[in-house]
Amino acid sequence: MQLRTVSYAGLKDRQALTRQWFSIQLPGKADPDLSAAQDDTLQILKSTRHKRKLQRGAHAANGFTLRLTQLDADTDALNQRLEIIARQGIPNYFGTQRFGYQGGNLGEARDYAARKALPEQRAVRSRLLSTARSYLFNRVLAARVADGRWEKAQVGDLLAFTDSRSFFPAGVDECSDPRLAILDLHPTGPQWGEGPSPAGGATAELENAIANDESALRDWLVRAGMEHERRILRLPIGRLTWHYPESDILQLEFVLPPGCFATVLVRELIDLVPVGQTDSPCVF
């Protein structure tokens, strides 16, 4: 079979034991013998026929089981923090891995933006454009965290449901929608592209101020033909449970929407500094 016939819904963490579906487009052909693909690093759990191939982003959620080992922490304080997170969610930052080692992806994006150029390779172009959009979003979110408005809707916000890419403007009535309190509806931040921010009021002022401060990146995204999209500012942690298998081990189990980062949850609990990344410009 050819590599182009294989597809999947999303990427998994490199350092992890992961499980996901792959699809192989073989219309009118017999089921392939995949036994030779199995080894110590790969096990095929199940195979079945389906009428459609997998598309990127087609998965509904990602489930995680994380073990934090050699833990030196006050477990009572950790438990209290986890209970708050279960009720309130966390800021929905893009994780530092989006920006590469010591923010190297952002540096590359700035270089191309300054030259008003785009990488020729499609994969590199996609990576750097995503980096630029993620950085601008994180800056907006960090500003709202700093003034305490990241989880509260305000007039002028654009609101979205957890599992939806569509959004709608918030007026006075929308800011008191009960679905905000149950973590079903959230304020959003910008994924910059063509056109001004569709937000209004103080929300638009903040987003445009940050975009103007990073005008080279903003204009680069516009020239690249990116569409203006929105991402929820607040990340609800689904089915969050935890326990301590040993006194220095915390095991977490939870579910996140697609495109959200488990490491963002971990950083809300403990001081997490990746080796060699103590001075990243992308840590907020």
C-alpha atoms as a PDB file:
ATOM      1  CA  MET A   1       0.000   0.000   0.000  1.00  0.00           C
ATOM      2  CA  GLN A   2       1.079   3.585  -0.573  1.00  0.00           C
ATOM      3  CA  LEU A   3       1.595   6.040   2.296  1.00  0.00           C
ATOM      4  CA  ARG A   4      -0.912   8.494   0.820  1.00  0.00           C
ATOM      5  CA  THR A   5      -3.714   5.953   1.365  1.00  0.00           C
ATOM      6  CA  VAL A   6      -3.187   6.082   5.153  1.00  0.00           C
ATOM      7  CA  SER A   7      -4.929   8.794   7.179  1.00  0.00           C
ATOM      8  CA  TYR A   8      -5.678   9.620  10.804  1.00  0.00           C
ATOM      9  CA  ALA A   9      -7.656  12.159  12.818  1.00  0.00           C
ATOM     10  CA  GLY A  10      -4.776  13.713  14.743  1.00  0.00           C
ATOM     11  CA  LEU A  11      -1.243  13.445  16.078  1.00  0.00           C
ATOM     12  CA  LYS A  12      -0.390  11.889  19.435  1.00  0.00           C
ATOM     13  CA  ASP A  13       2.315  12.703  21.972  1.00  0.00           C
ATOM     14  CA  ARG A  14       5.730  11.346  21.059  1.00  0.00           C
ATOM     15  CA  GLN A  15       6.579  10.212  24.582  1.00  0.00           C
ATOM     16  CA  ALA A  16       3.475   8.206  25.417  1.00  0.00           C
ATOM     17  CA  LEU A  17       1.612   4.943  25.100  1.00  0.00           C
ATOM     18  CA  THR A  18      -1.166   5.955  22.701  1.00  0.00           C
ATOM     19  CA  ARG A  19      -4.181   4.367  21.042  1.00  0.00           C
ATOM     20  CA  GLN A  20      -5.949   5.703  17.965  1.00  0.00           C
ATOM     21  CA  TRP A  21      -7.658   4.726  14.716  1.00  0.00           C
ATOM     22  CA  PHE A  22      -5.977   4.815  11.311  1.00  0.00           C
ATOM     23  CA  SER A  23      -7.748   4.373   7.997  1.00  0.00           C
ATOM     24  CA  ILE A  24      -6.397   2.836   4.802  1.00  0.00           C
ATOM     25  CA  GLN A  25      -8.217   3.730   1.593  1.00  0.00           C
ATOM     26  CA  LEU A  26      -8.597   0.468  -0.340  1.00  0.00           C
ATOM     27  CA  PRO A  27     -11.872   0.666  -2.305  1.00  0.00           C
ATOM     28  CA  GLY A  28     -12.791  -2.622  -3.919  1.00  0.00           C
ATOM     29  CA  LYS A  29      -9.701  -4.359  -2.555  1.00  0.00           C
ATOM     30  CA  ALA A  30      -9.329  -7.175  -0.056  1.00  0.00           C
ATOM     31  CA  ASP A  31      -8.403  -6.465   3.552  1.00  0.00           C
ATOM     32  CA  PRO A  32      -4.603  -6.264   3.826  1.00  0.00           C
ATOM     33  CA  ASP A  33      -2.548  -8.529   6.075  1.00  0.00           C
ATOM     34  CA  LEU A  34      -1.177  -6.121   8.681  1.00  0.00           C
ATOM     35  CA  SER A  35       0.430  -8.699  10.958  1.00  0.00           C
ATOM     36  CA  ALA A  36       3.905  -7.831   9.701  1.00  0.00           C
ATOM     37  CA  ALA A  37       3.427  -4.243  10.929  1.00  0.00           C
ATOM     38  CA  GLN A  38       3.288  -5.339  14.572  1.00  0.00           C
ATOM     39  CA  ASP A  39       6.360  -5.265  16.793  1.00  0.00           C
ATOM     40  CA  ASP A  40       7.371  -4.172  20.299  1.00  0.00           C
ATOM     41  CA  THR A  41       6.256  -0.590  19.547  1.00  0.00           C
ATOM     42  CA  LEU A  42       3.020  -1.225  17.634  1.00  0.00           C
ATOM     43  CA  GLN A  43       0.051  -3.475  18.336  1.00  0.00           C
ATOM     44  CA  ILE A  44      -3.048  -3.677  16.132  1.00  0.00           C
ATOM     45  CA  LEU A  45      -6.045  -3.995  18.434  1.00  0.00           C
ATOM     46  CA  LYS A  46      -8.881  -4.119  15.917  1.00  0.00           C
ATOM     47  CA  SER A  47      -9.634  -3.690  12.220  1.00  0.00           C
ATOM     48  CA  THR A  48     -12.967  -3.159  10.487  1.00  0.00           C
ATOM     49  CA  ARG A  49     -14.417  -1.794   7.258  1.00  0.00           C
ATOM     50  CA  HIS A  50     -15.890   1.716   7.002  1.00  0.00           C
ATOM     51  CA  LYS A  51     -17.326   3.660   4.080  1.00  0.00           C
ATOM     52  CA  ARG A  52     -15.329   6.833   4.795  1.00  0.00           C
ATOM     53  CA  LYS A  53     -11.666   7.544   5.454  1.00  0.00           C
ATOM     54  CA  LEU A  54     -10.547   9.484   8.507  1.00  0.00           C
ATOM     55  CA  GLN A  55     -10.087  13.232   8.143  1.00  0.00           C
ATOM     56  CA  ARG A  56      -7.774  15.410  10.237  1.00  0.00           C
ATOM     57  CA  GLY A  57      -9.691  16.863  13.174  1.00  0.00           C
ATOM     58  CA  ALA A  58     -12.544  14.351  12.854  1.00  0.00           C
ATOM     59  CA  HIS A  59     -12.131  13.028  16.410  1.00  0.00           C
ATOM     60  CA  ALA A  60     -14.497  14.260  19.107  1.00  0.00           C
ATOM     61  CA  ALA A  61     -12.057  14.301  22.027  1.00  0.00           C
ATOM     62  CA  ASN A  62      -8.773  12.978  23.434  1.00  0.00           C
ATOM     63  CA  GLY A  63      -8.574  10.909  26.607  1.00  0.00           C
ATOM     64  CA  PHE A  64      -5.482  11.047  28.822  1.00  0.00           C
ATOM     65  CA  THR A  65      -3.955   9.115  31.690  1.00  0.00           C
ATOM     66  CA  LEU A  66      -0.926  10.950  33.096  1.00  0.00           C
ATOM     67  CA  ARG A  67       1.420   9.910  35.882  1.00  0.00           C
ATOM     68  CA  LEU A  68       3.466  12.598  37.611  1.00  0.00           C
ATOM     69  CA  THR A  69       6.325  10.811  39.365  1.00  0.00           C
ATOM     70  CA  GLN A  70       8.948  11.924  41.909  1.00  0.00           C
ATOM     71  CA  LEU A  71       6.325  14.362  43.126  1.00  0.00           C
ATOM     72  CA  ASP A  72       7.314  16.734  45.922  1.00  0.00           C
ATOM     73  CA  ALA A  73       4.104  18.566  46.762  1.00  0.00           C
ATOM     74  CA  ASP A  74       1.478  19.274  49.408  1.00  0.00           C
ATOM     75  CA  THR A  75      -1.207  16.751  48.437  1.00  0.00           C
ATOM     76  CA  ASP A  76      -3.931  18.628  50.330  1.00  0.00           C
ATOM     77  CA  ALA A  77      -3.172  21.752  48.308  1.00  0.00           C
ATOM     78  CA  LEU A  78      -3.063  19.710  45.094  1.00  0.00           C
ATOM     79  CA  ASN A  79      -6.434  18.155  45.856  1.00  0.00           C
ATOM     80  CA  GLN A  80      -7.977  21.565  46.519  1.00  0.00           C
ATOM     81  CA  ARG A  81      -6.536  22.896  43.281  1.00  0.00           C
ATOM     82  CA  LEU A  82      -7.859  19.924  41.306  1.00  0.00           C
ATOM     83  CA  GLU A  83     -11.316  20.377  42.774  1.00  0.00           C
ATOM     84  CA  ILE A  84     -11.308  24.026  41.656  1.00  0.00           C
ATOM     85  CA  ILE A  85     -10.124  23.023  38.171  1.00  0.00           C
ATOM     86  CA  ALA A  86     -12.903  20.431  37.906  1.00  0.00           C
ATOM     87  CA  ARG A  87     -15.462  23.165  38.698  1.00  0.00           C
ATOM     88  CA  GLN A  88     -13.977  26.146  36.841  1.00  0.00           C
ATOM     89  CA  GLY A  89     -11.734  24.842  34.053  1.00  0.00           C
ATOM     90  CA  ILE A  90      -8.370  26.383  33.173  1.00  0.00           C
ATOM     91  CA  PRO A  91      -6.994  28.953  30.700  1.00  0.00           C
ATOM     92  CA  ASN A  92      -6.944  27.290  27.280  1.00  0.00           C
ATOM     93  CA  TYR A  93      -3.372  28.169  26.277  1.00  0.00           C
ATOM     94  CA  PHE A  94      -1.585  26.523  23.406  1.00  0.00           C
ATOM     95  CA  GLY A  95       1.130  24.398  25.010  1.00  0.00           C
ATOM     96  CA  THR A  96       4.803  25.288  24.712  1.00  0.00           C
ATOM     97  CA  GLN A  97       5.355  22.331  22.376  1.00  0.00           C
ATOM     98  CA  ARG A  98       3.426  24.268  19.716  1.00  0.00           C
ATOM     99  CA  PHE A  99       6.300  26.774  19.621  1.00  0.00           C
ATOM    100  CA  GLY A 100       9.234  24.370  19.377  1.00  0.00           C
ATOM    101  CA  TYR A 101      12.442  24.161  21.378  1.00  0.00           C
ATOM    102  CA  GLN A 102      13.001  27.481  23.195  1.00  0.00           C
ATOM    103  CA  GLY A 103      10.330  29.061  20.988  1.00  0.00           C
ATOM    104  CA  GLY A 104      12.250  28.316  17.799  1.00  0.00           C
ATOM    105  CA  ASN A 105       9.110  28.016  15.667  1.00  0.00           C
ATOM    106  CA  LEU A 106       8.109  31.539  16.658  1.00  0.00           C
ATOM    107  CA  GLY A 107      11.539  32.845  15.710  1.00  0.00           C
ATOM    108  CA  GLU A 108      11.201  31.240  12.271  1.00  0.00           C
ATOM    109  CA  ALA A 109       7.712  32.680  11.851  1.00  0.00           C
ATOM    110  CA  ARG A 110       8.956  36.168  12.728  1.00  0.00           C
ATOM    111  CA  ASP A 111      11.778  35.813  10.200  1.00  0.00           C
ATOM    112  CA  TYR A 112       9.403  34.895   7.360  1.00  0.00           C
ATOM    113  CA  ALA A 113       6.977  37.621   8.429  1.00  0.00           C
ATOM    114  CA  ALA A 114       9.733  40.246   8.371  1.00  0.00           C
ATOM    115  CA  ARG A 115      10.663  39.165   4.829  1.00  0.00           C
ATOM    116  CA  LYS A 116       6.987  38.996   3.795  1.00  0.00           C
ATOM    117  CA  ALA A 117       7.617  35.478   2.555  1.00  0.00           C
ATOM    118  CA  LEU A 118       6.143  32.034   3.063  1.00  0.00           C
ATOM    119  CA  PRO A 119       7.960  28.700   3.351  1.00  0.00           C
ATOM    120  CA  GLU A 120       7.813  26.678   0.143  1.00  0.00           C
ATOM    121  CA  GLN A 121       7.254  23.363   1.927  1.00  0.00           C
ATOM    122  CA  ARG A 122       3.618  22.904   2.843  1.00  0.00           C
ATOM    123  CA  ALA A 123       4.313  21.225   6.193  1.00  0.00           C
ATOM    124  CA  VAL A 124       6.704  23.987   7.286  1.00  0.00           C
ATOM    125  CA  ARG A 125       4.293  26.688   6.139  1.00  0.00           C
ATOM    126  CA  SER A 126       1.436  25.116   8.088  1.00  0.00           C
ATOM    127  CA  ARG A 127       3.574  24.724  11.215  1.00  0.00           C
ATOM    128  CA  LEU A 128       4.784  28.319  11.249  1.00  0.00           C
ATOM    129  CA  LEU A 129       1.412  29.873  10.448  1.00  0.00           C
ATOM    130  CA  SER A 130      -0.132  27.844  13.282  1.00  0.00           C
ATOM    131  CA  THR A 131       2.666  29.010  15.563  1.00  0.00           C
ATOM    132  CA  ALA A 132       2.004  32.678  14.792  1.00  0.00           C
ATOM    133  CA  ARG A 133      -1.749  32.361  15.354  1.00  0.00           C
ATOM    134  CA  SER A 134      -1.223  30.428  18.574  1.00  0.00           C
ATOM    135  CA  TYR A 135       1.194  33.030  19.912  1.00  0.00           C
ATOM    136  CA  LEU A 136      -1.226  35.908  19.280  1.00  0.00           C
ATOM    137  CA  PHE A 137      -4.027  33.932  20.931  1.00  0.00           C
ATOM    138  CA  ASN A 138      -1.863  33.187  23.972  1.00  0.00           C
ATOM    139  CA  ARG A 139      -1.004  36.853  24.339  1.00  0.00           C
ATOM    140  CA  VAL A 140      -4.697  37.796  24.363  1.00  0.00           C
ATOM    141  CA  LEU A 141      -5.495  35.047  26.851  1.00  0.00           C
ATOM    142  CA  ALA A 142      -2.585  36.027  29.112  1.00  0.00           C
ATOM    143  CA  ALA A 143      -3.848  39.620  29.183  1.00  0.00           C
ATOM    144  CA  ARG A 144      -7.327  38.471  30.184  1.00  0.00           C
ATOM    145  CA  VAL A 145      -5.911  36.152  32.838  1.00  0.00           C
ATOM    146  CA  ALA A 146      -3.917  39.075  34.237  1.00  0.00           C
ATOM    147  CA  ASP A 147      -7.029  41.226  34.687  1.00  0.00           C
ATOM    148  CA  GLY A 148      -9.270  38.345  35.797  1.00  0.00           C
ATOM    149  CA  ARG A 149     -11.545  38.292  32.729  1.00  0.00           C
ATOM    150  CA  TRP A 150     -10.535  35.018  31.042  1.00  0.00           C
ATOM    151  CA  GLU A 151     -13.487  32.984  32.379  1.00  0.00           C
ATOM    152  CA  LYS A 152     -16.117  35.723  32.478  1.00  0.00           C
ATOM    153  CA  ALA A 153     -18.187  36.849  29.510  1.00  0.00           C
ATOM    154  CA  GLN A 154     -18.388  40.577  28.851  1.00  0.00           C
ATOM    155  CA  VAL A 155     -20.409  42.620  26.386  1.00  0.00           C
ATOM    156  CA  GLY A 156     -18.522  42.560  23.087  1.00  0.00           C
ATOM    157  CA  ASP A 157     -17.185  39.035  23.565  1.00  0.00           C
ATOM    158  CA  LEU A 158     -17.795  36.312  21.016  1.00  0.00           C
ATOM    159  CA  LEU A 159     -19.127  33.182  22.693  1.00  0.00           C
ATOM    160  CA  ALA A 160     -18.791  29.569  21.601  1.00  0.00           C
ATOM    161  CA  PHE A 161     -19.766  26.166  22.884  1.00  0.00           C
ATOM    162  CA  THR A 162     -17.040  23.727  23.901  1.00  0.00           C
ATOM    163  CA  ASP A 163     -17.408  21.498  20.835  1.00  0.00           C
ATOM    164  CA  SER A 164     -18.319  24.104  18.220  1.00  0.00           C
ATOM    165  CA  ARG A 165     -16.325  26.309  15.880  1.00  0.00           C
ATOM    166  CA  SER A 166     -19.207  28.747  15.398  1.00  0.00           C
ATOM    167  CA  PHE A 167     -19.609  31.770  17.648  1.00  0.00           C
ATOM    168  CA  PHE A 168     -22.046  34.583  18.396  1.00  0.00           C
ATOM    169  CA  PRO A 169     -21.763  38.047  19.979  1.00  0.00           C
ATOM    170  CA  ALA A 170     -22.416  38.582  23.677  1.00  0.00           C
ATOM    171  CA  GLY A 171     -24.851  41.251  24.768  1.00  0.00           C
ATOM    172  CA  VAL A 172     -26.100  41.880  28.273  1.00  0.00           C
ATOM    173  CA  ASP A 173     -28.452  38.891  28.224  1.00  0.00           C
ATOM    174  CA  GLU A 174     -25.853  36.511  26.807  1.00  0.00           C
ATOM    175  CA  CYS A 175     -23.409  37.397  29.593  1.00  0.00           C
ATOM    176  CA  SER A 176     -25.803  35.876  32.128  1.00  0.00           C
ATOM    177  CA  ASP A 177     -26.513  32.710  30.113  1.00  0.00           C
ATOM    178  CA  PRO A 178     -26.592  29.807  32.614  1.00  0.00           C
ATOM    179  CA  ARG A 179     -24.595  27.658  30.226  1.00  0.00           C
ATOM    180  CA  LEU A 180     -21.541  29.782  31.061  1.00  0.00           C
ATOM    181  CA  ALA A 181     -21.711  28.608  34.671  1.00  0.00           C
ATOM    182  CA  ILE A 182     -21.788  24.914  33.755  1.00  0.00           C
ATOM    183  CA  LEU A 183     -18.747  25.201  31.433  1.00  0.00           C
ATOM    184  CA  ASP A 184     -20.753  24.564  28.290  1.00  0.00           C
ATOM    185  CA  LEU A 185     -20.417  28.078  26.836  1.00  0.00           C
ATOM    186  CA  HIS A 186     -17.265  30.221  26.882  1.00  0.00           C
ATOM    187  CA  PRO A 187     -15.756  33.538  25.806  1.00  0.00           C
ATOM    188  CA  THR A 188     -13.340  33.179  22.898  1.00  0.00           C
ATOM    189  CA  GLY A 189     -10.088  34.658  21.667  1.00  0.00           C
ATOM    190  CA  PRO A 190      -8.831  35.349  18.139  1.00  0.00           C
ATOM    191  CA  GLN A 191      -7.195  33.013  15.667  1.00  0.00           C
ATOM    192  CA  TRP A 192      -6.003  35.835  13.456  1.00  0.00           C
ATOM    193  CA  GLY A 193      -6.665  35.976   9.733  1.00  0.00           C
ATOM    194  CA  GLU A 194      -8.256  38.195   7.124  1.00  0.00           C
ATOM    195  CA  GLY A 195     -10.462  41.018   8.368  1.00  0.00           C
ATOM    196  CA  PRO A 196     -10.655  42.845  11.694  1.00  0.00           C
ATOM    197  CA  SER A 197     -11.649  41.155  14.907  1.00  0.00           C
ATOM    198  CA  PRO A 198     -15.437  40.624  14.844  1.00  0.00           C
ATOM    199  CA  ALA A 199     -15.511  41.258  18.607  1.00  0.00           C
ATOM    200  CA  GLY A 200     -16.735  44.525  20.077  1.00  0.00           C
ATOM    201  CA  GLY A 201     -16.160  46.834  23.031  1.00  0.00           C
ATOM    202  CA  ALA A 202     -13.258  46.195  25.401  1.00  0.00           C
ATOM    203  CA  THR A 203     -12.691  42.770  23.843  1.00  0.00           C
ATOM    204  CA  ALA A 204     -12.015  44.258  20.413  1.00  0.00           C
ATOM    205  CA  GLU A 205      -9.809  46.970  21.928  1.00  0.00           C
ATOM    206  CA  LEU A 206      -7.607  44.382  23.637  1.00  0.00           C
ATOM    207  CA  GLU A 207      -7.388  42.057  20.642  1.00  0.00           C
ATOM    208  CA  ASN A 208      -6.632  44.865  18.198  1.00  0.00           C
ATOM    209  CA  ALA A 209      -4.037  46.377  20.547  1.00  0.00           C
ATOM    210  CA  ILE A 210      -2.146  43.081  20.701  1.00  0.00           C
ATOM    211  CA  ALA A 211      -2.501  42.565  16.942  1.00  0.00           C
ATOM    212  CA  ASN A 212      -1.142  46.068  16.327  1.00  0.00           C
ATOM    213  CA  ASP A 213       1.769  45.343  18.670  1.00  0.00           C
ATOM    214  CA  GLU A 214       2.498  42.241  16.574  1.00  0.00           C
ATOM    215  CA  SER A 215       1.568  43.818  13.253  1.00  0.00           C
ATOM    216  CA  ALA A 216       4.221  41.921  11.274  1.00  0.00           C
ATOM    217  CA  LEU A 217       2.808  38.559  12.360  1.00  0.00           C
ATOM    218  CA  ARG A 218      -0.796  39.738  11.907  1.00  0.00           C
ATOM    219  CA  ASP A 219      -0.172  41.056   8.392  1.00  0.00           C
ATOM    220  CA  TRP A 220       1.749  37.890   7.500  1.00  0.00           C
ATOM    221  CA  LEU A 221      -1.232  35.752   8.496  1.00  0.00           C
ATOM    222  CA  VAL A 222      -3.561  37.942   6.423  1.00  0.00           C
ATOM    223  CA  ARG A 223      -1.306  37.742   3.351  1.00  0.00           C
ATOM    224  CA  ALA A 224      -1.207  33.976   3.738  1.00  0.00           C
ATOM    225  CA  GLY A 225      -4.992  33.901   3.320  1.00  0.00           C
ATOM    226  CA  MET A 226      -5.795  32.624   6.796  1.00  0.00           C
ATOM    227  CA  GLU A 227      -9.409  33.051   7.879  1.00  0.00           C
ATOM    228  CA  HIS A 228     -10.268  34.708  11.171  1.00  0.00           C
ATOM    229  CA  GLU A 229     -11.438  31.983  13.585  1.00  0.00           C
ATOM    230  CA  ARG A 230     -12.102  31.772  17.317  1.00  0.00           C
ATOM    231  CA  ARG A 231     -10.898  29.505  20.125  1.00  0.00           C
ATOM    232  CA  ILE A 232     -12.468  29.202  23.573  1.00  0.00           C
ATOM    233  CA  LEU A 233     -10.506  30.974  26.324  1.00  0.00           C
ATOM    234  CA  ARG A 234     -11.621  28.568  29.031  1.00  0.00           C
ATOM    235  CA  LEU A 235     -10.863  24.855  28.871  1.00  0.00           C
ATOM    236  CA  PRO A 236     -13.267  22.531  30.718  1.00  0.00           C
ATOM    237  CA  ILE A 237     -11.553  19.363  31.944  1.00  0.00           C
ATOM    238  CA  GLY A 238     -13.902  16.491  31.235  1.00  0.00           C
ATOM    239  CA  ARG A 239     -14.229  13.440  33.505  1.00  0.00           C
ATOM    240  CA  LEU A 240     -11.334  14.569  35.703  1.00  0.00           C
ATOM    241  CA  THR A 241     -10.310  12.025  38.342  1.00  0.00           C
ATOM    242  CA  TRP A 242      -7.086  11.549  40.280  1.00  0.00           C
ATOM    243  CA  HIS A 243      -5.423   9.343  42.868  1.00  0.00           C
ATOM    244  CA  TYR A 244      -2.000   8.623  44.359  1.00  0.00           C
ATOM    245  CA  PRO A 245      -0.714   5.085  43.536  1.00  0.00           C
ATOM    246  CA  GLU A 246       2.265   5.923  45.764  1.00  0.00           C
ATOM    247  CA  SER A 247       3.105   8.850  48.013  1.00  0.00           C
ATOM    248  CA  ASP A 248       5.221  10.523  45.316  1.00  0.00           C
ATOM    249  CA  ILE A 249       3.023   9.679  42.305  1.00  0.00           C
ATOM    250  CA  LEU A 250      -0.096  11.539  41.130  1.00  0.00           C
ATOM    251  CA  GLN A 251      -2.188   9.848  38.443  1.00  0.00           C
ATOM    252  CA  LEU A 252      -4.640  11.993  36.469  1.00  0.00           C
ATOM    253  CA  GLU A 253      -7.357  10.838  34.088  1.00  0.00           C
ATOM    254  CA  PHE A 254      -9.332  13.317  31.985  1.00  0.00           C
ATOM    255  CA  VAL A 255     -10.747  14.156  28.554  1.00  0.00           C
ATOM    256  CA  LEU A 256      -9.981  17.241  26.446  1.00  0.00           C
ATOM    257  CA  PRO A 257     -11.495  18.631  23.237  1.00  0.00           C
ATOM    258  CA  PRO A 258      -9.393  18.328  20.053  1.00  0.00           C
ATOM    259  CA  GLY A 259      -6.542  20.817  19.780  1.00  0.00           C
ATOM    260  CA  CYS A 260      -6.136  21.284  23.533  1.00  0.00           C
ATOM    261  CA  PHE A 261      -3.024  20.468  25.535  1.00  0.00           C
ATOM    262  CA  ALA A 262      -2.671  18.144  28.522  1.00  0.00           C
ATOM    263  CA  THR A 263       0.536  19.933  29.526  1.00  0.00           C
ATOM    264  CA  VAL A 264      -1.519  23.081  30.104  1.00  0.00           C
ATOM    265  CA  LEU A 265      -3.409  21.256  32.836  1.00  0.00           C
ATOM    266  CA  VAL A 266      -0.176  20.004  34.417  1.00  0.00           C
ATOM    267  CA  ARG A 267       1.308  23.508  34.546  1.00  0.00           C
ATOM    268  CA  GLU A 268      -1.745  24.662  36.516  1.00  0.00           C
ATOM    269  CA  LEU A 269      -0.821  22.111  39.203  1.00  0.00           C
ATOM    270  CA  ILE A 270       2.957  22.072  39.534  1.00  0.00           C
ATOM    271  CA  ASP A 271       6.046  23.970  38.447  1.00  0.00           C
ATOM    272  CA  LEU A 272       6.818  22.281  35.141  1.00  0.00           C
ATOM    273  CA  VAL A 273       9.976  23.480  33.391  1.00  0.00           C
ATOM    274  CA  PRO A 274      11.053  21.290  30.449  1.00  0.00           C
ATOM    275  CA  VAL A 275      14.771  20.519  30.371  1.00  0.00           C
ATOM    276  CA  GLY A 276      16.565  23.208  28.377  1.00  0.00           C
ATOM    277  CA  GLN A 277      13.466  25.428  28.044  1.00  0.00           C
ATOM    278  CA  THR A 278      13.875  27.769  30.978  1.00  0.00           C
ATOM    279  CA  ASP A 279      13.903  30.909  28.852  1.00  0.00           C
ATOM    280  CA  SER A 280      11.193  30.412  26.246  1.00  0.00           C
ATOM    281  CA  PRO A 281       9.518  33.618  24.965  1.00  0.00           C
ATOM    282  CA  CYS A 282       6.295  31.641  24.596  1.00  0.00           C
ATOM    283  CA  VAL A 283       5.652  30.820  28.271  1.00  0.00           C
ATOM    284  CA  PHE A 284       2.901  32.997  29.762  1.00  0.00           C
END
